[in-house]
Every structure is written in C-alpha cells, then in structure tokens.
N, C-alpha and C. Protein backbone atom coordinates (compact mmCIF):
# COMPACT_ATOMS: atom_id res chain seq x y z
N MET A 1 4.51 -12.13 5.95
CA MET A 1 5.62 -11.16 5.04
C MET A 1 5.71 -12.18 3.80
N ILE A 2 5.53 -11.54 2.61
CA ILE A 2 6.18 -12.39 1.40
C ILE A 2 7.69 -12.54 1.03
N TYR A 3 7.97 -10.86 0.96
CA TYR A 3 9.37 -10.40 0.36
C TYR A 3 10.40 -10.23 1.89
N ASP A 4 11.91 -10.56 1.24
CA ASP A 4 12.37 -10.34 2.30
C ASP A 4 12.84 -8.55 2.34
N THR A 5 12.84 -8.65 1.40
CA THR A 5 13.61 -7.14 1.42
C THR A 5 13.00 -6.16 0.30
N LEU A 6 12.60 -5.22 0.29
CA LEU A 6 12.59 -4.36 -0.64
C LEU A 6 12.55 -4.49 -2.10
N ASP A 7 13.93 -4.40 -2.43
CA ASP A 7 14.48 -4.60 -3.89
C ASP A 7 13.87 -5.81 -4.07
N GLU A 8 13.72 -7.16 -3.43
CA GLU A 8 13.39 -8.28 -3.74
C GLU A 8 11.69 -7.77 -4.41
N ALA A 9 10.55 -7.43 -3.44
CA ALA A 9 9.59 -6.85 -3.81
C ALA A 9 9.24 -6.17 -5.01
N LEU A 10 10.13 -5.11 -4.96
CA LEU A 10 9.84 -4.10 -6.36
C LEU A 10 10.23 -5.06 -7.62
N THR A 11 11.40 -5.89 -7.55
CA THR A 11 11.79 -6.72 -8.73
C THR A 11 10.60 -7.77 -9.37
N ASP A 12 10.04 -8.27 -8.35
CA ASP A 12 8.92 -8.91 -8.48
C ASP A 12 7.55 -8.36 -9.32
N ILE A 13 7.40 -7.11 -8.66
CA ILE A 13 6.25 -6.45 -9.10
C ILE A 13 6.77 -5.84 -10.61
N ASP A 14 8.11 -5.61 -10.77
CA ASP A 14 8.76 -4.87 -12.06
C ASP A 14 8.03 -6.30 -13.00
N LYS A 15 8.23 -7.73 -12.64
CA LYS A 15 8.02 -8.77 -13.44
C LYS A 15 6.58 -8.98 -13.96
N ILE A 16 5.78 -8.33 -13.14
CA ILE A 16 4.04 -8.76 -13.07
C ILE A 16 4.01 -7.66 -14.18
N GLY A 17 4.50 -6.17 -14.33
CA GLY A 17 4.35 -5.52 -15.61
C GLY A 17 3.27 -4.33 -15.39
N THR A 18 2.91 -4.41 -14.38
CA THR A 18 1.64 -3.57 -14.14
C THR A 18 1.75 -3.00 -12.92
N TRP A 19 1.86 -1.87 -12.75
CA TRP A 19 1.96 -0.83 -11.27
C TRP A 19 0.42 -0.35 -10.52
N ASP A 20 -0.39 -0.90 -11.16
CA ASP A 20 -1.48 -0.64 -10.84
C ASP A 20 -2.06 -1.29 -9.56
N PRO A 21 -2.39 -0.30 -8.54
CA PRO A 21 -2.35 -0.68 -6.99
C PRO A 21 -3.35 -1.51 -6.75
N ASP A 22 -4.38 -1.35 -7.57
CA ASP A 22 -5.80 -2.40 -7.45
C ASP A 22 -5.33 -3.77 -8.11
N TYR A 23 -4.84 -3.48 -8.96
CA TYR A 23 -4.16 -5.11 -9.55
C TYR A 23 -3.12 -5.86 -8.67
N LEU A 24 -2.33 -4.85 -7.98
CA LEU A 24 -1.47 -5.49 -6.85
C LEU A 24 -2.21 -6.39 -5.85
N ILE A 25 -3.10 -5.73 -5.44
CA ILE A 25 -4.09 -5.82 -4.47
C ILE A 25 -4.44 -7.39 -4.71
N SER A 26 -4.97 -7.53 -5.74
CA SER A 26 -5.93 -8.44 -6.04
C SER A 26 -4.48 -9.90 -6.54
N HIS A 27 -3.61 -9.45 -7.23
CA HIS A 27 -2.27 -10.46 -7.21
C HIS A 27 -1.80 -11.06 -6.12
N TYR A 28 -1.81 -9.86 -5.09
CA TYR A 28 -1.14 -10.82 -3.89
C TYR A 28 -1.95 -11.15 -2.72
N GLU A 29 -3.62 -11.18 -3.29
CA GLU A 29 -4.43 -11.44 -2.41
C GLU A 29 -4.36 -10.94 -1.27
N LEU A 30 -4.47 -9.66 -1.17
CA LEU A 30 -4.38 -8.86 -0.15
C LEU A 30 -5.91 -8.37 0.23
N ASP A 31 -6.37 -8.05 1.42
CA ASP A 31 -7.75 -7.93 2.04
C ASP A 31 -7.63 -6.17 2.27
N TYR A 32 -8.34 -5.20 1.30
CA TYR A 32 -8.53 -3.90 1.44
C TYR A 32 -9.75 -3.27 1.63
N ARG A 33 -9.56 -2.05 2.47
CA ARG A 33 -11.23 -1.91 2.55
C ARG A 33 -11.00 0.14 2.73
N LEU A 34 -11.63 0.49 2.36
CA LEU A 34 -11.46 1.92 2.20
C LEU A 34 -12.79 2.31 3.48
N VAL A 35 -12.01 2.93 4.78
CA VAL A 35 -12.95 3.23 5.68
C VAL A 35 -13.01 4.59 6.25
N SER A 36 -14.22 5.14 6.76
CA SER A 36 -14.59 6.42 6.87
C SER A 36 -14.38 6.30 8.45
N ASP A 37 -14.30 5.63 9.39
CA ASP A 37 -14.14 5.89 10.91
C ASP A 37 -12.84 5.91 11.86
N LEU A 38 -11.58 6.10 10.49
CA LEU A 38 -10.82 6.50 11.13
C LEU A 38 -10.20 7.46 12.23
N PRO A 39 -9.52 8.07 12.62
CA PRO A 39 -9.26 9.47 13.40
C PRO A 39 -8.45 10.26 11.97
N ASP A 40 -8.55 11.52 12.02
CA ASP A 40 -8.09 12.10 10.73
C ASP A 40 -6.60 11.96 10.73
N ASN A 41 -5.82 12.04 11.66
CA ASN A 41 -4.61 11.72 11.79
C ASN A 41 -4.05 10.49 11.47
N VAL A 42 -4.63 9.64 10.80
CA VAL A 42 -4.49 7.97 10.92
C VAL A 42 -5.07 8.08 9.07
N SER A 43 -4.08 7.89 8.72
CA SER A 43 -3.98 7.72 6.93
C SER A 43 -4.92 6.15 6.33
N GLY A 44 -3.83 5.26 7.52
CA GLY A 44 -4.30 3.90 7.35
C GLY A 44 -3.51 3.19 8.24
N TYR A 45 -3.92 1.85 7.91
CA TYR A 45 -3.38 0.64 8.86
C TYR A 45 -3.03 -0.44 8.22
N SER A 46 -2.08 -1.24 8.64
CA SER A 46 -2.17 -2.40 8.08
C SER A 46 -1.92 -3.70 8.88
N LEU A 47 -2.14 -4.87 8.99
CA LEU A 47 -2.23 -5.97 9.68
C LEU A 47 -1.16 -7.05 8.58
N PRO A 48 -0.02 -6.86 8.55
CA PRO A 48 0.48 -7.43 7.53
C PRO A 48 0.72 -9.13 7.68
N LEU A 49 0.27 -9.72 8.90
CA LEU A 49 0.30 -10.98 9.27
C LEU A 49 -0.57 -11.53 8.69
N THR A 50 -2.03 -10.96 8.42
CA THR A 50 -3.19 -11.34 7.73
C THR A 50 -3.60 -10.80 6.16
N ARG A 51 -2.34 -10.11 5.98
CA ARG A 51 -2.30 -9.54 4.65
C ARG A 51 -3.41 -8.71 4.38
N THR A 52 -3.84 -7.56 5.48
CA THR A 52 -5.26 -6.93 5.47
C THR A 52 -4.74 -5.60 6.05
N PHE A 53 -5.39 -4.78 4.91
CA PHE A 53 -4.98 -3.24 5.20
C PHE A 53 -6.34 -1.92 5.26
N PHE A 54 -6.13 -1.31 5.79
CA PHE A 54 -7.24 -0.14 5.81
C PHE A 54 -6.72 1.09 5.46
N VAL A 55 -7.93 1.77 4.43
CA VAL A 55 -7.25 3.13 4.23
C VAL A 55 -8.10 3.98 4.72
N ASN A 56 -7.88 5.37 5.37
CA ASN A 56 -8.96 6.33 5.76
C ASN A 56 -9.20 6.94 4.55
N SER A 57 -10.54 7.28 4.27
CA SER A 57 -11.34 7.84 3.52
C SER A 57 -11.19 9.16 3.18
N LYS A 58 -10.57 9.78 4.27
CA LYS A 58 -10.24 11.05 4.57
C LYS A 58 -8.78 11.21 4.30
N ALA A 59 -8.14 10.39 4.37
CA ALA A 59 -6.59 10.60 3.62
C ALA A 59 -6.23 11.60 2.80
N TYR A 60 -5.23 12.23 2.64
CA TYR A 60 -4.93 13.26 1.98
C TYR A 60 -4.99 12.92 0.55
N SER A 61 -3.99 11.53 0.55
CA SER A 61 -3.67 10.94 -0.74
C SER A 61 -4.16 9.57 -0.68
N ILE A 62 -5.24 9.12 -1.02
CA ILE A 62 -5.74 7.53 -0.67
C ILE A 62 -4.75 7.20 -1.48
N VAL A 63 -4.33 6.95 -2.74
CA VAL A 63 -3.55 6.45 -3.95
C VAL A 63 -1.92 6.22 -2.87
N PHE A 64 -1.65 6.87 -2.21
CA PHE A 64 -0.21 7.23 -1.58
C PHE A 64 -0.68 5.94 -0.55
N SER A 65 -1.82 6.20 0.44
CA SER A 65 -1.78 5.45 1.68
C SER A 65 -2.03 4.05 1.23
N LYS A 66 -2.65 3.87 -0.02
CA LYS A 66 -2.77 2.54 -0.30
C LYS A 66 -2.05 1.67 -0.82
N CYS A 67 -0.51 2.36 -1.49
CA CYS A 67 0.42 1.89 -2.05
C CYS A 67 1.21 1.61 -0.61
N HIS A 68 1.41 2.62 0.05
CA HIS A 68 1.80 2.61 1.44
C HIS A 68 1.63 1.24 2.00
N GLU A 69 0.49 0.84 2.42
CA GLU A 69 0.26 -0.03 3.25
C GLU A 69 0.14 -1.36 2.58
N ILE A 70 0.17 -1.41 1.08
CA ILE A 70 0.28 -2.85 0.09
C ILE A 70 1.99 -3.14 0.57
N MET A 71 2.80 -2.20 0.85
CA MET A 71 4.50 -2.49 1.05
C MET A 71 4.22 -3.16 2.27
N HIS A 72 3.53 -2.44 3.12
CA HIS A 72 3.52 -3.23 4.60
C HIS A 72 3.22 -4.58 4.54
N CYS A 73 2.27 -5.08 3.68
CA CYS A 73 1.39 -6.36 3.82
C CYS A 73 2.76 -7.19 2.90
N LEU A 74 3.34 -6.45 2.04
CA LEU A 74 4.65 -7.57 1.66
C LEU A 74 5.74 -7.78 2.08
N LEU A 75 6.02 -6.56 2.98
CA LEU A 75 7.53 -6.57 3.58
C LEU A 75 7.52 -7.02 4.97
N ASP A 76 6.20 -6.82 5.81
CA ASP A 76 6.41 -6.77 7.03
C ASP A 76 5.76 -8.37 7.74
N SER A 77 6.38 -8.56 8.93
CA SER A 77 5.61 -9.70 9.32
C SER A 77 5.33 -9.79 10.82
N THR A 78 4.74 -8.31 11.27
CA THR A 78 4.40 -8.56 12.86
C THR A 78 3.05 -8.64 12.62
N SER A 79 2.59 -9.51 14.20
CA SER A 79 1.22 -9.29 13.93
C SER A 79 0.15 -8.38 14.96
N GLU A 80 1.19 -7.05 15.13
CA GLU A 80 0.70 -5.74 15.50
C GLU A 80 0.34 -5.30 14.43
N PRO A 81 -0.71 -4.08 14.66
CA PRO A 81 -0.86 -3.11 13.73
C PRO A 81 0.21 -2.16 13.23
N LEU A 82 0.17 -2.00 12.09
CA LEU A 82 0.93 -0.96 11.74
C LEU A 82 0.49 0.40 11.13
N ILE A 83 0.66 1.21 11.81
CA ILE A 83 -0.46 2.66 11.68
C ILE A 83 0.46 3.95 10.97
N ASP A 84 -0.05 4.03 10.07
CA ASP A 84 0.62 5.31 9.02
C ASP A 84 0.01 6.51 9.95
N ALA A 85 0.84 6.98 11.04
CA ALA A 85 0.45 8.09 11.74
C ALA A 85 1.67 9.11 11.92
N SER A 86 1.71 10.37 12.43
CA SER A 86 2.83 11.14 13.02
C SER A 86 3.70 10.47 13.69
N MET A 87 3.31 9.62 14.88
CA MET A 87 4.08 8.93 15.92
C MET A 87 4.83 7.65 15.26
N VAL A 88 4.98 7.27 14.06
CA VAL A 88 5.79 6.60 13.46
C VAL A 88 6.61 6.65 12.22
N SER A 89 6.30 7.99 11.74
CA SER A 89 6.33 8.36 10.48
C SER A 89 8.01 8.21 10.01
N ASN A 90 8.53 8.36 10.83
CA ASN A 90 10.17 8.40 10.67
C ASN A 90 10.79 7.08 11.18
N SER A 91 9.92 5.74 11.45
CA SER A 91 10.84 4.64 11.63
C SER A 91 11.27 4.02 9.98
N LYS A 92 12.32 3.23 10.21
CA LYS A 92 12.52 2.52 8.90
C LYS A 92 11.66 1.78 8.25
N ILE A 93 10.72 1.05 9.14
CA ILE A 93 9.65 0.52 8.78
C ILE A 93 8.46 1.04 7.66
N GLU A 94 8.67 2.50 8.14
CA GLU A 94 7.59 3.64 7.32
C GLU A 94 8.15 4.30 6.41
N ALA A 95 9.61 3.86 6.32
CA ALA A 95 10.47 4.73 5.13
C ALA A 95 10.58 3.61 4.08
N ARG A 96 10.83 2.76 4.45
CA ARG A 96 10.76 1.59 3.55
C ARG A 96 9.34 1.48 2.63
N ALA A 97 8.53 1.52 3.38
CA ALA A 97 7.06 1.33 2.85
C ALA A 97 6.52 2.55 1.75
N ASN A 98 7.32 3.70 2.53
CA ASN A 98 6.75 5.08 1.68
C ASN A 98 7.82 4.86 0.31
N HIS A 99 8.89 4.36 0.82
CA HIS A 99 9.83 4.29 -0.91
C HIS A 99 8.97 3.45 -1.73
N GLY A 100 8.51 2.24 -1.45
CA GLY A 100 7.80 0.90 -2.04
C GLY A 100 6.41 1.81 -2.84
N ALA A 101 6.05 2.63 -1.86
CA ALA A 101 4.46 2.96 -2.26
C ALA A 101 4.87 4.17 -3.41
N PHE A 102 5.86 4.79 -3.14
CA PHE A 102 6.62 5.90 -4.35
C PHE A 102 6.87 5.32 -5.77
N TYR A 103 7.71 4.04 -5.52
CA TYR A 103 7.83 3.40 -6.73
C TYR A 103 6.89 2.97 -7.52
N ILE A 104 6.01 2.35 -6.77
CA ILE A 104 4.59 1.92 -7.36
C ILE A 104 3.85 3.33 -7.98
N MET A 105 3.69 4.03 -7.37
CA MET A 105 3.03 5.32 -7.87
C MET A 105 3.68 6.01 -9.20
N VAL A 106 4.96 5.94 -9.03
CA VAL A 106 5.79 6.91 -9.80
C VAL A 106 5.45 5.70 -11.57
N ARG A 107 5.95 4.36 -11.38
CA ARG A 107 5.74 3.43 -12.59
C ARG A 107 4.19 3.52 -12.98
N HIS A 108 3.26 3.40 -12.25
CA HIS A 108 2.13 3.53 -12.56
C HIS A 108 1.53 4.72 -13.17
N TYR A 109 2.03 6.01 -13.04
CA TYR A 109 1.91 7.19 -13.04
C TYR A 109 2.36 7.18 -15.03
N MET A 110 3.65 6.59 -14.73
CA MET A 110 4.36 6.98 -15.97
C MET A 110 3.58 5.90 -17.23
N ASN A 111 3.28 4.81 -16.44
CA ASN A 111 2.46 3.70 -17.64
C ASN A 111 1.08 4.61 -17.76
N GLN A 112 0.41 4.95 -17.33
CA GLN A 112 -0.95 6.01 -17.20
C GLN A 112 -0.64 6.85 -18.46
N THR A 113 0.22 7.96 -18.04
CA THR A 113 0.48 8.90 -18.85
C THR A 113 1.03 8.47 -20.33
N GLY A 114 1.44 7.76 -20.63
CA GLY A 114 2.50 7.30 -21.57
C GLY A 114 3.50 8.48 -21.80
N LEU A 115 4.04 9.11 -20.77
CA LEU A 115 5.38 10.01 -20.50
C LEU A 115 6.60 9.20 -20.81
N GLU A 116 7.59 9.79 -21.78
CA GLU A 116 8.82 9.32 -21.47
C GLU A 116 9.58 9.75 -20.22
N PRO A 117 10.48 8.69 -19.74
CA PRO A 117 11.02 9.25 -18.32
C PRO A 117 11.90 10.68 -18.43
N ALA A 118 12.06 11.56 -19.59
CA ALA A 118 12.49 12.36 -19.41
C ALA A 118 11.73 13.67 -19.55
N ASP A 119 10.50 13.71 -19.66
CA ASP A 119 9.30 14.40 -19.60
C ASP A 119 8.99 14.23 -18.28
N PHE A 120 9.04 13.55 -17.26
CA PHE A 120 8.55 13.27 -15.88
C PHE A 120 8.61 14.71 -15.29
N ASP A 121 7.64 15.06 -14.62
CA ASP A 121 7.78 16.72 -14.09
C ASP A 121 7.45 15.99 -12.32
N VAL A 122 8.02 16.33 -11.40
CA VAL A 122 7.88 15.63 -10.16
C VAL A 122 6.68 16.52 -9.47
N VAL A 123 6.64 18.12 -9.58
CA VAL A 123 5.38 18.55 -8.96
C VAL A 123 4.21 18.46 -9.69
N ARG A 124 4.11 18.32 -11.04
CA ARG A 124 2.84 17.66 -11.99
C ARG A 124 2.27 15.92 -11.16
N PHE A 125 3.30 15.39 -10.90
CA PHE A 125 3.21 14.08 -10.33
C PHE A 125 2.77 14.04 -9.09
N GLY A 126 3.25 15.16 -8.03
CA GLY A 126 2.58 15.36 -7.01
C GLY A 126 1.22 15.70 -7.11
N GLU A 127 0.71 16.55 -7.80
CA GLU A 127 -0.38 17.27 -7.83
C GLU A 127 -1.62 15.94 -8.16
N THR A 128 -1.00 15.56 -9.36
CA THR A 128 -1.72 14.39 -10.13
C THR A 128 -2.12 13.17 -8.73
N CYS A 129 -1.26 12.94 -8.09
CA CYS A 129 -1.46 11.88 -6.73
C CYS A 129 -1.81 12.67 -5.61
N ASN A 130 -2.05 13.95 -5.55
CA ASN A 130 -2.41 14.89 -4.39
C ASN A 130 -1.76 14.45 -3.43
N LEU A 131 -0.23 14.70 -3.47
CA LEU A 131 0.54 14.61 -2.21
C LEU A 131 1.27 15.92 -2.12
N LYS A 132 1.14 15.65 -0.38
CA LYS A 132 1.86 16.83 0.43
C LYS A 132 3.19 17.20 -0.33
N PRO A 133 3.39 18.37 -0.18
CA PRO A 133 4.53 19.15 -0.98
C PRO A 133 5.89 18.40 0.11
N LYS A 134 5.61 18.24 1.47
CA LYS A 134 6.61 17.61 2.02
C LYS A 134 7.79 16.02 1.65
N PHE A 135 6.31 15.49 0.45
CA PHE A 135 7.25 14.12 0.02
C PHE A 135 7.80 14.71 -1.37
N LEU A 136 7.87 15.55 -2.19
CA LEU A 136 8.04 15.57 -3.52
C LEU A 136 9.70 15.49 -3.41
N PHE A 137 10.09 15.92 -2.62
CA PHE A 137 11.78 15.29 -2.56
C PHE A 137 11.96 13.99 -2.31
N GLU A 138 11.29 13.08 -1.31
CA GLU A 138 11.11 11.59 -1.65
C GLU A 138 10.95 11.30 -3.01
N ALA A 139 9.85 11.71 -3.53
CA ALA A 139 9.02 11.06 -4.34
C ALA A 139 10.09 11.03 -5.71
N GLY A 140 10.67 12.33 -5.67
CA GLY A 140 11.67 12.47 -6.99
C GLY A 140 12.84 11.64 -6.76
N ASN A 141 13.30 11.52 -5.60
CA ASN A 141 14.78 10.43 -5.46
C ASN A 141 14.18 9.35 -5.64
N VAL A 142 13.08 8.74 -5.44
CA VAL A 142 12.73 7.30 -5.96
C VAL A 142 12.30 7.41 -7.06
N ALA A 143 11.96 8.69 -7.83
CA ALA A 143 11.66 8.83 -9.64
C ALA A 143 12.78 8.69 -10.11
N GLU A 144 13.78 9.39 -9.70
CA GLU A 144 15.40 9.22 -10.60
C GLU A 144 15.68 7.84 -10.15
N GLU A 145 15.71 7.22 -9.27
CA GLU A 145 16.06 5.57 -8.97
C GLU A 145 14.81 4.44 -10.45
N ALA A 146 13.51 4.87 -10.31
CA ALA A 146 13.07 4.02 -11.01
C ALA A 146 12.82 4.52 -12.26
N LEU A 147 13.19 5.43 -12.70
CA LEU A 147 13.04 5.89 -14.37
C LEU A 147 14.74 6.31 -14.81
N ASN A 148 15.80 5.83 -13.93
CA ASN A 148 17.25 6.48 -14.25
C ASN A 148 17.18 7.52 -14.99
N ILE A 149 16.82 8.58 -14.13
CA ILE A 149 16.80 9.88 -14.63
C ILE A 149 17.08 10.60 -13.79
N LYS A 150 17.38 12.28 -13.96
CA LYS A 150 17.97 13.09 -12.99
C LYS A 150 16.94 14.30 -13.12
N ILE A 151 16.09 14.46 -11.63
CA ILE A 151 15.52 15.74 -11.88
C ILE A 151 16.17 16.98 -11.35
N PRO A 152 15.50 17.94 -12.47
CA PRO A 152 16.64 19.20 -12.34
C PRO A 152 16.10 19.69 -11.05
N LYS A 153 16.90 20.25 -10.57
CA LYS A 153 16.20 21.02 -9.05
C LYS A 153 15.30 21.97 -9.64
N HIS A 154 15.26 22.69 -10.46
CA HIS A 154 14.39 23.62 -10.54
C HIS A 154 12.78 23.35 -10.59
N GLN A 155 12.86 21.94 -10.66
CA GLN A 155 11.41 21.45 -10.80
C GLN A 155 10.57 21.66 -9.56
N PHE A 156 11.49 21.40 -8.37
CA PHE A 156 10.62 21.50 -7.05
C PHE A 156 10.68 22.88 -6.58
N TYR A 157 11.02 24.04 -7.10
CA TYR A 157 10.56 25.27 -6.94
C TYR A 157 9.83 25.66 -7.68
N LYS A 158 8.94 25.70 -8.65
CA LYS A 158 8.10 26.27 -9.44
C LYS A 158 6.73 27.07 -8.79
C-alpha cells in the first residue's frame, strides 16, 4: 500500500501531471503483465503487497482493467490476490478501485483528446475505452467530479 485513501492517491496522481496508465505503472514501479491464460471471467488480478498485477488479454476493456489494478496496488495492503471477477465486484475495495480507474481514464482521455470539460460525452468516452454499458453511470459520476461538470442525463440514452 502506498496511500491510505483514494483521495490521497488521486491528489498525488494529479500532481504528477499525467494520467497515462503506462507512465503511472513506471512511476510507481509496479510490475505489470498482460497474460492470456486467465479464465474469461477474470479481467485481472493484483498482488498489492508486491506491487504486481496481471491483466487478461481477453478482458473486455484492457485499459479499465489496467487502471483498476493500478489502484489496487496503490491502495490495498493485502498479501492475498485481489481478483477482478463477478464474485467480488460489489465489495468496497472493488468500488474504490473502479472509482480510481475511471478517474485516471477520464483525465487521460481528456488530455489525449484535447476536449474541454463541457464537451465531454460519456457515451463516446465509453465507446473509446471499450467500457461495458453497465459502467457508464459510474464513469459519468466520476467524470462529473473529476471535470467539475454536470453530464446531461440525455447522454446516457443515445
């Protein structure tokens, strides 16, 4: 564990000035592997104590899985593997990792596209990042916080 709270981690990432997941992996000296031998229902897993994580090359959204596991390595102190699968998807630990992942992704997306916050479109963001539709509301909530905007509800119903 590097940070005690999600806010502390995100504040530090903001100070770095880039939200590129690959740069963050290097900056925090995390060990990352893209692997093809995980079951289809496991998008990734991390070993936070050793700052190591693995992402399934067959994951629906590799970038989301990568950012999610980065957050586990920054925030969690367990020696047990944390597995991103349906059996643990509703836990507080997983929700915190999702929130941090969406924050990194939104900030990186805005940096890469050069969009102004008022031009953020959550559906386009989801398509670009290959997010499952079930994640759009959560990603939208994080984008509102990260960009200090209010996303019109009609964006969710295109």
